[in-house]
Structure formats: C-alpha cells, structure tokens
Amino acid sequence: MSAEITFGWPTAQLTRDPRLAYNTMSKTYARMAFDSLLDVDETTGELVPWLATSRRQIDPLTVEFVIRAGVQFSDGTALSGADVRQSFLDILGLQHVQPLPAAVAALAGLKDIRATAATVTFHFERHNAAFLRSLAGVGLAVSKAAGDTRVGTGRWRPALGSGVPATLTDGSHQVVFVQAEHPDTDVYAGDAAAEYRMAEHDNAGITYGLCPNTSRGPLTDPRIRRALSLLIDHTRLQPILAQAGYTSATSVLAPTTRYHRDLSTELTYDPVRAHRLLDAAGAGPGLTFEVLFNSTFSPIDTELLTAVADQWSRHGIRLRLADVGFAELRSRQQSGDYDFRFFYYTGEDPDVLRYQFAVSQRNMNRRLQSDDLDDLLDAQLHCADTDARRTLVDTIQELIIERGLWYPIGNVRTVAGYRPGAVAARLDTEGLVRLEPVQTTRKVYVP
C-alpha cells in the first residue's frame, strides 16, 4: 500500500489541465504533475534549467532549447523535442477559450515553433519580454494529450482507481487533495496549528484589490471611479490585512514584482478631492454598488470589504457584498454582471498587467474600446530595453490608478502549514507548495 499524504484546501475547486489552471489549488496540483522547460531559483530569482538543459539565443527573436535526455511522460513514453513543440501548439489552440487562458497570453508574438528529436526552437515576429519568465510557470508546463486528459513528466501522476478524484502518486506515496475548512491534514493551504511548520511567500503580481466595471452605470465616469478610490483609508485597513500577514498595497503591482512602482501618495485618503470629483460628475448621495467575490480565496475577504463598505457609507455611498459560489462567480464575471470584482493575480513579470487589463486580453474593467493604455501595455511586452520597459511599466501603473481602474488594497502573503513528520514543504516563486514526503506510513483517507 502506498503511504498517504493528505493535502487540505478550503475549496474543492480543481482544474487538472495545466494550460487552464488559474486558481492556486489547480496550479499546485499541476505543478506536481507537470514540469516546465525552466524553473526559478527561489533564492536568487534567476532562471535555471529544468526540462531544458540549456538555451541559445540564435537571434533577437529566436531562442533554442536543448531538451533533457531520458525524461518520460507518466504514460511511459519518452519526451522529445516534437512533444514539446506539440505541447505549445496545444496551448495556442486555446486562443478562443473564454476567459482567455494566461498560457495563451504568454505566447504573444510567437510565429513559429520548430523541433528536432533533442531541441525545440521558438521564433517570434515581435520581441516578447516576458517569455522566458513565463516558461517557468505552470501555464506553459509541458503536457501531452492522453484521451480526454493530459499527462506530464512530473514525479507525481494521477492515481487511477484511488476512489478519490484528486489523488496523485509517485508509486511509493499518494497525495490526496481534500476539502478542509481547518487544518487536520498533512499539508494545509493556510494558517495551521502550532504542531505544523509554516512555509511563507510574499506573492508577486497584481495586488489584492477592487476592479471596477467601467461599462456599468456611474462607473463609466472616470471621475467617480477615482473619487471612490480616494475614499479608502488604507491605514484603517492595515490591522485587518495584518491578520493574514498581508501589508497595505502601494500600487497595482505588488512590491515583489519586477518594476513595482510605489504610488502610495496617489492612494492617500483624500475625501476633499473625492467630493470635488463627485460634484464635478454630478454624482449626489445615494450611489450604490455591488462587489462580487468568493470568500474562500482569503480568510479576510469579507472583513476587508465590510470595512471598505463602512468607509464609503460615511460619504453616502453604499457597497453591497455578493459572496457567491464559483459557478456564479464565473458566469457573472464572463457576462460582466458586476460593479466591482475583488481579486489578486500572481505572476513575477509585469506583463500580468496586460493580461488582466488590456481590452484584447481578460479586460477585467470591461472597457469598451482600446486606448493609449492598451498601446502602452503592448509596448512594454515588446520592449527589449530593460530601462525603457521599466519606464513604460511605471507609466502604466500610474495611469491605472489615475483613471480609477484598480483600487489596491493589500499585498498577498501565501502560507501553507505542513506536518514535519510527514513531509518537507516549501513555496516556490508562484506561491505554490512543493513537497517531499518523509513519512513511510499513513492511514488511508476515507472520503
């Protein structure tokens, strides 16, 4: 019998396809089963080999990777350059899926993929500044179609006939993903009791914040959007953020993200300016909005949003909280049936801004047409000069704040507890658990 490790999550939401993995649970599952061409050294932040043993920049738009020999998919077939090529073609085949997968967005500008038995070469028609970093992420992990599922080259593979849908095995151990509202498992995605050790990581990417729907009612007016952001007193939210180890956000991007710009001055509570903007927009008392969210993403969601609602209510503005299930969340997000969304998004490269805000991408603001912001979002991706790209990203962050397209609230800190007698665990640069079993026996999980 395989030794068993239980991995507890506050939600049962799971997508097993790495190309479509969006939430942390799905990404963690996929990271265990699917390897990437590159990895990131968690100490130095440098890219290091994984399935690719080396890379060569043939010209400014072409890069070749040598594929590691002796690697097999979980179905026993050997990994080849052709398999890697097909994996990326399969990702490109999802370009019409909605919402747009991050993996597709990461391949912007890709013109051609060539392969030999031992190499794969990517040729771009335009520079993609985020490509190499993106290769280390779960979304671009190498996978192969196997019937109605996909297989990877990772140590862990789906355990057939386990009786529990979300189970992985390495032959000697099983990892069973279970829904648990409190830690009573070998690994738990969240704060845990004293007998657990904690792995912690300050997330890079887009801060936890409010995202207004700019196509909806009063939120079509940038003066109203900006005014609402100025009516948030961040100092009063800090005690709530601290409960989860979060800190106050100072920009659209978290401090651990490349090219983060501190815009805390622009985020200072300023009711005088806010009411001046509201008056100019002809917005009298009685504005009412709804924020759409799912409270299982963070233990302090509801408390934070309640605090923001209380602050706004002092100025005659009502914010209703709509804590909904995943099915309704997805449906309403896709249809644009929301005033505000409350979320964060993890990613090391500032191109996460393009993915979430560009009209041609996820367009979470529901902007009706492209403008100069979209031009800048595209320009930063295609900019090969580091200093020039930083300047572009600085400007993008400032414009998003000035136009009331994002209300930064907190910098997310991911934590995971683990029993040291069962596993050793750490969090990688995506905030995903990577574990190593140390126990030999464990009772079988009974669903």
Protein backbone atom coordinates (compact mmCIF):
# COMPACT_ATOMS: atom_id res chain seq x y z
CA MET A 1 0.00 0.00 0.00
CA SER A 2 1.26 3.49 -0.82
CA ALA A 3 1.94 5.82 2.10
CA GLU A 4 -0.61 8.61 2.02
CA ILE A 5 -0.32 12.37 2.40
CA THR A 6 -3.46 14.47 2.78
CA PHE A 7 -3.40 17.99 1.35
CA GLY A 8 -6.20 20.17 2.71
CA TRP A 9 -7.74 23.14 0.90
CA PRO A 10 -10.57 25.48 1.91
CA THR A 11 -12.13 24.93 -1.54
CA ALA A 12 -12.71 21.90 -3.74
CA GLN A 13 -12.25 23.82 -7.00
CA LEU A 14 -9.73 21.95 -9.17
CA THR A 15 -8.68 22.07 -12.82
CA ARG A 16 -6.24 19.31 -13.80
CA ASP A 17 -5.14 20.78 -17.14
CA PRO A 18 -2.03 22.95 -16.58
CA ARG A 19 -2.92 25.12 -19.57
CA LEU A 20 -6.15 26.16 -17.86
CA ALA A 21 -5.03 26.20 -14.22
CA TYR A 22 -5.96 29.59 -12.77
CA ASN A 23 -6.51 29.25 -9.02
CA THR A 24 -3.81 28.22 -6.55
CA MET A 25 -5.19 24.73 -5.90
CA SER A 26 -5.22 23.88 -9.60
CA LYS A 27 -1.76 25.34 -10.12
CA THR A 28 -0.36 23.36 -7.18
CA TYR A 29 -1.84 20.10 -8.47
CA ALA A 30 -0.48 20.84 -11.96
CA ARG A 31 2.94 21.83 -10.67
CA MET A 32 3.31 18.41 -9.04
CA ALA A 33 2.39 16.52 -12.23
CA PHE A 34 3.84 18.73 -14.98
CA ASP A 35 7.37 20.04 -15.43
CA SER A 36 8.41 23.20 -17.29
CA LEU A 37 11.31 23.97 -19.60
CA LEU A 38 12.76 26.34 -16.99
CA ASP A 39 12.48 26.89 -13.25
CA VAL A 40 13.26 29.83 -10.99
CA ASP A 41 15.86 29.70 -8.22
CA GLU A 42 13.90 30.84 -5.16
CA THR A 43 16.98 32.41 -3.56
CA THR A 44 18.47 34.33 -6.48
CA GLY A 45 15.40 34.72 -8.67
CA GLU A 46 17.45 33.52 -11.65
CA LEU A 47 16.10 31.18 -14.31
CA VAL A 48 17.58 27.68 -14.08
CA PRO A 49 17.30 24.55 -16.27
CA TRP A 50 14.50 22.03 -15.83
CA LEU A 51 13.28 20.05 -18.84
CA ALA A 52 15.59 22.21 -20.94
CA THR A 53 19.24 21.70 -20.04
CA SER A 54 20.38 24.81 -21.91
CA ARG A 55 19.18 27.57 -24.20
CA ARG A 56 20.76 29.54 -27.02
CA GLN A 57 19.65 32.90 -28.37
CA ILE A 58 20.05 32.39 -32.12
CA ASP A 59 18.97 35.95 -32.93
CA PRO A 60 16.94 38.63 -31.09
CA LEU A 61 13.67 36.89 -31.96
CA THR A 62 14.71 33.23 -31.91
CA VAL A 63 15.68 31.02 -28.97
CA GLU A 64 16.59 27.31 -28.99
CA PHE A 65 16.29 24.90 -26.06
CA VAL A 66 18.05 21.56 -25.65
CA ILE A 67 15.66 19.01 -24.13
CA ARG A 68 16.86 16.86 -21.24
CA ALA A 69 17.52 13.26 -22.26
CA GLY A 70 15.98 10.27 -20.50
CA VAL A 71 12.75 12.00 -19.43
CA GLN A 72 9.45 10.15 -19.72
CA PHE A 73 5.81 11.10 -19.54
CA SER A 74 3.77 9.35 -16.87
CA ASP A 75 2.42 7.00 -19.56
CA GLY A 76 5.95 5.69 -20.13
CA THR A 77 6.66 7.39 -23.48
CA ALA A 78 9.91 9.30 -23.91
CA LEU A 79 9.90 13.10 -24.08
CA SER A 80 11.17 14.55 -27.36
CA GLY A 81 11.52 17.97 -28.92
CA ALA A 82 8.48 17.16 -31.04
CA ASP A 83 6.43 16.56 -27.87
CA VAL A 84 7.45 19.94 -26.50
CA ARG A 85 6.51 21.60 -29.77
CA GLN A 86 3.11 19.90 -29.78
CA SER A 87 2.54 20.92 -26.17
CA PHE A 88 2.92 24.58 -27.13
CA LEU A 89 0.79 24.16 -30.24
CA ASP A 90 -1.91 22.72 -27.99
CA ILE A 91 -1.69 25.85 -25.83
CA LEU A 92 -2.08 28.08 -28.88
CA GLY A 93 -5.13 26.02 -29.78
CA LEU A 94 -6.90 27.51 -26.75
CA GLN A 95 -6.83 31.08 -28.06
CA HIS A 96 -10.61 31.16 -28.49
CA VAL A 97 -11.35 29.82 -24.99
CA GLN A 98 -13.04 32.28 -22.63
CA PRO A 99 -11.87 33.52 -20.24
CA LEU A 100 -8.57 33.76 -22.09
CA PRO A 101 -6.02 31.38 -20.51
CA ALA A 102 -2.86 33.05 -19.20
CA ALA A 103 -0.84 30.47 -21.13
CA VAL A 104 -2.15 31.79 -24.44
CA ALA A 105 -1.44 35.40 -23.46
CA ALA A 106 2.13 34.42 -22.55
CA LEU A 107 2.85 33.36 -26.15
CA ALA A 108 2.01 36.73 -27.70
CA GLY A 109 4.04 37.35 -30.85
CA LEU A 110 5.04 33.71 -31.35
CA LYS A 111 5.31 33.00 -35.07
CA ASP A 112 6.80 29.52 -35.39
CA ILE A 113 7.96 26.51 -33.36
CA ARG A 114 10.47 24.05 -34.80
CA ALA A 115 11.73 20.83 -33.28
CA THR A 116 14.28 18.07 -33.64
CA ALA A 117 14.49 14.96 -31.51
CA ALA A 118 16.51 16.84 -28.89
CA THR A 119 15.70 20.55 -29.39
CA VAL A 120 12.82 22.96 -29.70
CA THR A 121 13.15 26.44 -31.21
CA PHE A 122 10.75 29.36 -30.76
CA HIS A 123 10.69 32.18 -33.31
CA PHE A 124 8.81 35.40 -32.59
CA GLU A 125 7.66 38.06 -35.02
CA ARG A 126 7.97 40.63 -32.22
CA HIS A 127 10.01 40.63 -29.03
CA ASN A 128 8.27 39.08 -26.02
CA ALA A 129 9.98 40.43 -22.91
CA ALA A 130 8.09 38.10 -20.57
CA PHE A 131 8.56 34.84 -22.49
CA LEU A 132 11.49 33.29 -20.62
CA ARG A 133 9.94 34.05 -17.23
CA SER A 134 6.63 32.68 -18.44
CA LEU A 135 8.28 29.38 -19.38
CA ALA A 136 8.86 28.69 -15.68
CA GLY A 137 5.16 28.99 -14.87
CA VAL A 138 2.58 26.24 -14.62
CA GLY A 139 0.60 27.50 -17.61
CA LEU A 140 3.43 26.73 -20.05
CA ALA A 141 4.36 23.40 -18.45
CA VAL A 142 4.93 20.59 -20.94
CA SER A 143 1.98 18.23 -21.31
CA LYS A 144 0.66 15.66 -23.74
CA ALA A 145 -2.87 14.68 -24.67
CA ALA A 146 -3.90 11.24 -23.43
CA GLY A 147 -7.53 10.58 -24.26
CA ASP A 148 -9.65 13.18 -22.51
CA THR A 149 -6.89 14.16 -20.10
CA ARG A 150 -3.26 15.28 -20.23
CA VAL A 151 -0.12 13.65 -18.86
CA GLY A 152 3.12 15.24 -17.75
CA THR A 153 6.70 14.36 -16.90
CA GLY A 154 6.48 15.27 -13.21
CA ARG A 155 7.29 12.98 -10.33
CA TRP A 156 3.59 12.74 -9.49
CA ARG A 157 0.87 11.29 -11.70
CA PRO A 158 -2.88 10.72 -11.28
CA ALA A 159 -3.61 7.67 -9.15
CA LEU A 160 -6.06 5.52 -11.09
CA GLY A 161 -8.75 3.72 -9.12
CA SER A 162 -7.98 5.55 -5.88
CA GLY A 163 -11.65 6.34 -5.22
CA VAL A 164 -10.73 9.99 -4.61
CA PRO A 165 -10.78 12.16 -7.76
CA ALA A 166 -7.88 14.46 -6.83
CA THR A 167 -5.15 11.98 -5.99
CA LEU A 168 -1.55 11.87 -7.22
CA THR A 169 1.02 9.13 -6.73
CA ASP A 170 4.74 8.65 -7.26
CA GLY A 171 4.46 4.88 -6.80
CA SER A 172 5.51 4.96 -3.15
CA HIS A 173 3.26 7.71 -1.84
CA GLN A 174 -0.14 9.16 -2.59
CA VAL A 175 -1.12 12.81 -2.22
CA VAL A 176 -4.86 13.19 -1.69
CA PHE A 177 -6.33 16.67 -2.17
CA VAL A 178 -9.28 17.11 0.20
CA GLN A 179 -11.55 19.99 1.09
CA ALA A 180 -10.97 21.06 4.67
CA GLU A 181 -12.08 24.23 6.40
CA HIS A 182 -9.46 23.84 9.11
CA PRO A 183 -6.06 22.13 9.23
CA ASP A 184 -6.33 18.44 10.07
CA THR A 185 -4.20 17.16 7.22
CA ASP A 186 -0.52 16.60 6.49
CA VAL A 187 -0.38 19.79 4.43
CA TYR A 188 -2.83 22.67 4.66
CA ALA A 189 -3.20 25.66 2.35
CA GLY A 190 -3.43 28.34 5.02
CA ASP A 191 -2.56 29.09 8.63
CA ALA A 192 -2.23 26.00 10.78
CA ALA A 193 -1.81 24.98 14.42
CA ALA A 194 1.40 25.03 16.43
CA GLU A 195 2.38 21.45 15.56
CA TYR A 196 2.68 22.49 11.92
CA ARG A 197 5.64 24.20 10.36
CA MET A 198 4.84 27.12 8.10
CA ALA A 199 6.05 27.89 4.59
CA GLU A 200 5.50 31.51 3.58
CA HIS A 201 5.83 33.58 0.41
CA ASP A 202 5.13 37.20 -0.49
CA ASN A 203 3.22 36.98 -3.75
CA ALA A 204 4.34 38.88 -6.81
CA GLY A 205 1.81 40.08 -9.36
CA ILE A 206 -1.30 42.23 -9.10
CA THR A 207 -2.23 43.30 -5.60
CA TYR A 208 -5.45 42.30 -3.89
CA GLY A 209 -7.87 44.99 -4.93
CA LEU A 210 -11.17 46.22 -6.27
CA CYS A 211 -11.62 46.17 -10.04
CA PRO A 212 -14.43 48.42 -11.34
CA ASN A 213 -16.58 47.56 -14.34
CA THR A 214 -16.17 50.73 -16.42
CA SER A 215 -19.08 49.86 -18.72
CA ARG A 216 -21.61 49.93 -15.91
CA GLY A 217 -23.69 52.87 -14.65
CA PRO A 218 -21.85 55.61 -12.75
CA LEU A 219 -18.57 53.69 -13.06
CA THR A 220 -18.38 54.75 -16.71
CA ASP A 221 -17.25 58.16 -15.40
CA PRO A 222 -13.51 58.18 -14.52
CA ARG A 223 -14.11 60.99 -12.02
CA ILE A 224 -16.45 58.81 -9.99
CA ARG A 225 -14.07 55.85 -10.18
CA ARG A 226 -11.15 57.95 -8.98
CA ALA A 227 -13.23 59.54 -6.24
CA LEU A 228 -14.20 56.16 -4.83
CA SER A 229 -10.56 55.12 -4.64
CA LEU A 230 -9.74 58.31 -2.71
CA LEU A 231 -12.41 57.43 -0.13
CA ILE A 232 -10.50 54.33 1.00
CA ASP A 233 -8.43 54.96 4.14
CA HIS A 234 -5.70 52.35 3.85
CA THR A 235 -4.34 52.98 7.33
CA ARG A 236 -7.61 51.73 8.82
CA LEU A 237 -7.45 48.54 6.76
CA GLN A 238 -3.95 47.61 7.88
CA PRO A 239 -4.99 45.81 11.12
CA ILE A 240 -7.28 43.55 9.10
CA LEU A 241 -4.59 42.86 6.50
CA ALA A 242 -2.11 42.01 9.25
CA GLN A 243 -4.32 39.15 10.45
CA ALA A 244 -3.35 37.23 7.30
CA GLY A 245 0.21 38.54 7.13
CA TYR A 246 -0.71 40.95 4.33
CA THR A 247 0.59 44.50 4.03
CA SER A 248 -1.03 47.62 2.58
CA ALA A 249 -0.75 47.79 -1.18
CA THR A 250 1.11 50.77 -2.61
CA SER A 251 0.47 50.17 -6.31
CA VAL A 252 -1.21 47.95 -8.87
CA LEU A 253 1.81 45.63 -8.74
CA ALA A 254 3.00 44.02 -5.51
CA PRO A 255 6.47 45.04 -4.24
CA THR A 256 7.97 41.65 -5.15
CA THR A 257 7.04 42.12 -8.81
CA ARG A 258 9.59 43.40 -11.30
CA TYR A 259 9.22 47.16 -11.88
CA HIS A 260 6.85 47.76 -9.00
CA ARG A 261 6.35 51.50 -8.51
CA ASP A 262 5.36 52.92 -5.13
CA LEU A 263 2.27 55.08 -5.68
CA SER A 264 1.21 55.34 -2.05
CA THR A 265 0.99 59.14 -2.32
CA GLU A 266 -1.62 58.80 -5.07
CA LEU A 267 -3.54 56.34 -2.88
CA THR A 268 -3.73 58.61 0.18
CA TYR A 269 -7.18 59.06 1.69
CA ASP A 270 -8.44 62.41 0.37
CA PRO A 271 -12.18 63.00 0.95
CA VAL A 272 -11.96 66.67 -0.05
CA ARG A 273 -10.65 65.86 -3.50
CA ALA A 274 -13.01 62.89 -3.76
CA HIS A 275 -16.11 65.01 -3.15
CA ARG A 276 -14.83 67.64 -5.56
CA LEU A 277 -14.66 64.94 -8.25
CA LEU A 278 -18.09 63.57 -7.33
CA ASP A 279 -19.61 67.05 -7.51
CA ALA A 280 -17.99 67.67 -10.91
CA ALA A 281 -19.51 64.40 -12.14
CA GLY A 282 -22.93 65.38 -10.82
CA ALA A 283 -22.99 62.39 -8.50
CA GLY A 284 -25.12 63.13 -5.47
CA PRO A 285 -25.70 60.98 -2.37
CA GLY A 286 -27.13 57.51 -2.82
CA LEU A 287 -24.59 55.86 -5.11
CA THR A 288 -24.93 52.10 -4.72
CA PHE A 289 -22.55 49.41 -5.94
CA GLU A 290 -22.03 45.67 -5.52
CA VAL A 291 -18.74 43.84 -5.19
CA LEU A 292 -18.61 40.26 -6.50
CA PHE A 293 -16.22 37.85 -4.76
CA ASN A 294 -15.75 34.38 -3.29
CA SER A 295 -14.58 34.40 0.31
CA THR A 296 -12.64 31.12 0.15
CA PHE A 297 -9.73 32.83 -1.63
CA SER A 298 -8.63 34.58 1.56
CA PRO A 299 -9.62 34.37 5.24
CA ILE A 300 -10.09 38.15 5.47
CA ASP A 301 -12.03 38.94 2.27
CA THR A 302 -15.36 39.60 3.92
CA GLU A 303 -13.90 41.63 6.77
CA LEU A 304 -11.86 43.78 4.38
CA LEU A 305 -14.76 44.51 2.07
CA THR A 306 -17.06 45.22 5.00
CA ALA A 307 -14.52 47.77 6.23
CA VAL A 308 -14.38 49.44 2.80
CA ALA A 309 -18.19 49.49 2.71
CA ASP A 310 -18.25 51.15 6.14
CA GLN A 311 -15.80 53.81 4.98
CA TRP A 312 -17.82 54.59 1.86
CA SER A 313 -21.08 54.66 3.81
CA ARG A 314 -19.79 57.64 5.78
CA HIS A 315 -19.84 59.52 2.49
CA GLY A 316 -23.31 58.41 1.43
CA ILE A 317 -22.11 55.57 -0.82
CA ARG A 318 -23.37 52.02 -0.39
CA LEU A 319 -21.31 48.93 -1.24
CA ARG A 320 -23.16 45.60 -1.12
CA LEU A 321 -21.17 42.41 -0.70
CA ALA A 322 -22.02 39.49 -3.03
CA ASP A 323 -20.15 36.44 -1.74
CA VAL A 324 -21.05 33.84 -4.37
CA GLY A 325 -20.10 30.29 -5.34
CA PHE A 326 -17.61 29.54 -8.09
CA ALA A 327 -20.20 28.75 -10.75
CA GLU A 328 -21.99 32.07 -10.25
CA LEU A 329 -18.69 33.92 -9.95
CA ARG A 330 -17.51 32.58 -13.29
CA SER A 331 -20.85 33.18 -15.02
CA ARG A 332 -21.25 36.75 -13.82
CA GLN A 333 -17.63 37.60 -14.49
CA GLN A 334 -17.95 36.35 -18.06
CA SER A 335 -21.16 38.26 -18.68
CA GLY A 336 -19.94 41.44 -16.99
CA ASP A 337 -22.69 41.28 -14.38
CA TYR A 338 -20.78 43.07 -11.63
CA ASP A 339 -19.89 46.58 -10.48
CA PHE A 340 -16.65 45.53 -8.80
CA ARG A 341 -14.62 42.34 -8.66
CA PHE A 342 -12.27 41.69 -5.75
CA PHE A 343 -9.25 39.53 -6.58
CA TYR A 344 -5.49 39.27 -6.92
CA TYR A 345 -3.30 37.62 -9.51
CA THR A 346 0.13 36.06 -9.05
CA GLY A 347 2.96 36.46 -11.56
CA GLU A 348 6.56 37.64 -11.46
CA ASP A 349 6.60 39.65 -14.67
CA PRO A 350 4.75 42.97 -15.06
CA ASP A 351 3.10 41.61 -18.20
CA VAL A 352 0.40 40.44 -15.77
CA LEU A 353 -0.91 43.98 -16.25
CA ARG A 354 -1.53 43.37 -19.94
CA TYR A 355 -3.19 40.04 -19.24
CA GLN A 356 -5.71 41.47 -16.76
CA PHE A 357 -6.29 45.00 -18.09
CA ALA A 358 -5.85 45.02 -21.89
CA VAL A 359 -9.06 45.09 -23.93
CA SER A 360 -7.67 42.30 -26.12
CA GLN A 361 -6.96 40.07 -23.10
CA ARG A 362 -9.13 39.44 -20.00
CA ASN A 363 -10.24 43.10 -19.87
CA MET A 364 -11.42 42.88 -16.27
CA ASN A 365 -12.51 46.53 -16.36
CA ARG A 366 -14.86 45.72 -19.28
CA ARG A 367 -13.52 48.73 -21.19
CA LEU A 368 -15.41 49.13 -24.45
CA GLN A 369 -12.52 50.11 -26.70
CA SER A 370 -8.73 50.21 -26.77
CA ASP A 371 -6.92 53.43 -25.95
CA ASP A 372 -3.45 54.69 -25.07
CA LEU A 373 -3.30 52.34 -22.08
CA ASP A 374 -3.52 49.35 -24.41
CA ASP A 375 -0.77 50.82 -26.58
CA LEU A 376 1.46 51.03 -23.51
CA LEU A 377 0.56 47.52 -22.35
CA ASP A 378 1.60 46.14 -25.74
CA ALA A 379 4.70 48.34 -25.88
CA GLN A 380 6.10 47.07 -22.57
CA LEU A 381 5.83 43.47 -23.74
CA HIS A 382 7.66 44.16 -26.99
CA CYS A 383 10.33 46.40 -25.44
CA ALA A 384 13.79 44.80 -25.44
CA ASP A 385 15.48 47.56 -23.42
CA THR A 386 15.22 46.99 -19.65
CA ASP A 387 15.29 50.65 -18.61
CA ALA A 388 12.80 51.67 -21.28
CA ARG A 389 10.48 48.85 -20.29
CA ARG A 390 10.64 49.90 -16.64
CA THR A 391 9.60 53.42 -17.65
CA LEU A 392 6.66 52.06 -19.61
CA VAL A 393 5.52 49.89 -16.69
CA ASP A 394 5.85 52.87 -14.33
CA THR A 395 3.56 54.89 -16.58
CA ILE A 396 1.06 52.04 -16.88
CA GLN A 397 0.75 51.69 -13.10
CA GLU A 398 0.24 55.44 -12.73
CA LEU A 399 -2.43 55.58 -15.44
CA ILE A 400 -4.36 52.66 -13.95
CA ILE A 401 -4.50 54.45 -10.59
CA GLU A 402 -5.28 57.89 -12.06
CA ARG A 403 -8.12 56.52 -14.17
CA GLY A 404 -9.63 54.57 -11.30
CA LEU A 405 -9.16 51.19 -12.94
CA TRP A 406 -7.80 49.44 -9.84
CA TYR A 407 -8.14 50.14 -6.11
CA PRO A 408 -5.14 48.45 -4.47
CA ILE A 409 -5.93 47.06 -1.02
CA GLY A 410 -3.32 44.52 0.08
CA ASN A 411 -0.15 42.63 -0.80
CA VAL A 412 -0.92 38.92 -0.54
CA ARG A 413 1.23 36.56 1.51
CA THR A 414 0.71 32.86 0.83
CA VAL A 415 1.13 30.48 3.76
CA ALA A 416 0.97 26.71 3.99
CA GLY A 417 1.29 24.51 7.05
CA TYR A 418 2.81 21.04 7.00
CA ARG A 419 3.49 18.27 9.49
CA PRO A 420 7.29 17.85 9.60
CA GLY A 421 6.92 14.15 10.35
CA ALA A 422 5.06 13.61 7.10
CA VAL A 423 6.52 15.98 4.53
CA ALA A 424 9.02 18.74 3.91
CA ALA A 425 7.39 21.64 2.08
CA ARG A 426 8.34 24.96 0.57
CA LEU A 427 6.67 27.59 -1.57
CA ASP A 428 8.09 28.41 -4.98
CA THR A 429 8.11 31.82 -6.67
CA GLU A 430 4.49 31.31 -7.80
CA GLY A 431 3.50 30.69 -4.19
CA LEU A 432 2.87 27.00 -4.92
CA VAL A 433 3.64 24.19 -2.49
CA ARG A 434 6.43 21.84 -3.49
CA LEU A 435 6.62 18.91 -1.13
CA GLU A 436 8.92 16.00 -0.40
CA PRO A 437 7.49 13.01 1.54
CA VAL A 438 9.41 11.93 4.62
CA GLN A 439 6.94 9.51 6.20
CA THR A 440 6.61 5.81 5.40
CA THR A 441 3.05 5.07 6.51
CA ARG A 442 -0.18 6.95 6.87
CA LYS A 443 -3.77 5.82 7.26
CA VAL A 444 -5.79 5.78 4.08
CA TYR A 445 -8.08 8.78 3.59
CA VAL A 446 -11.77 7.83 3.58
CA PRO A 447 -13.93 10.38 1.69
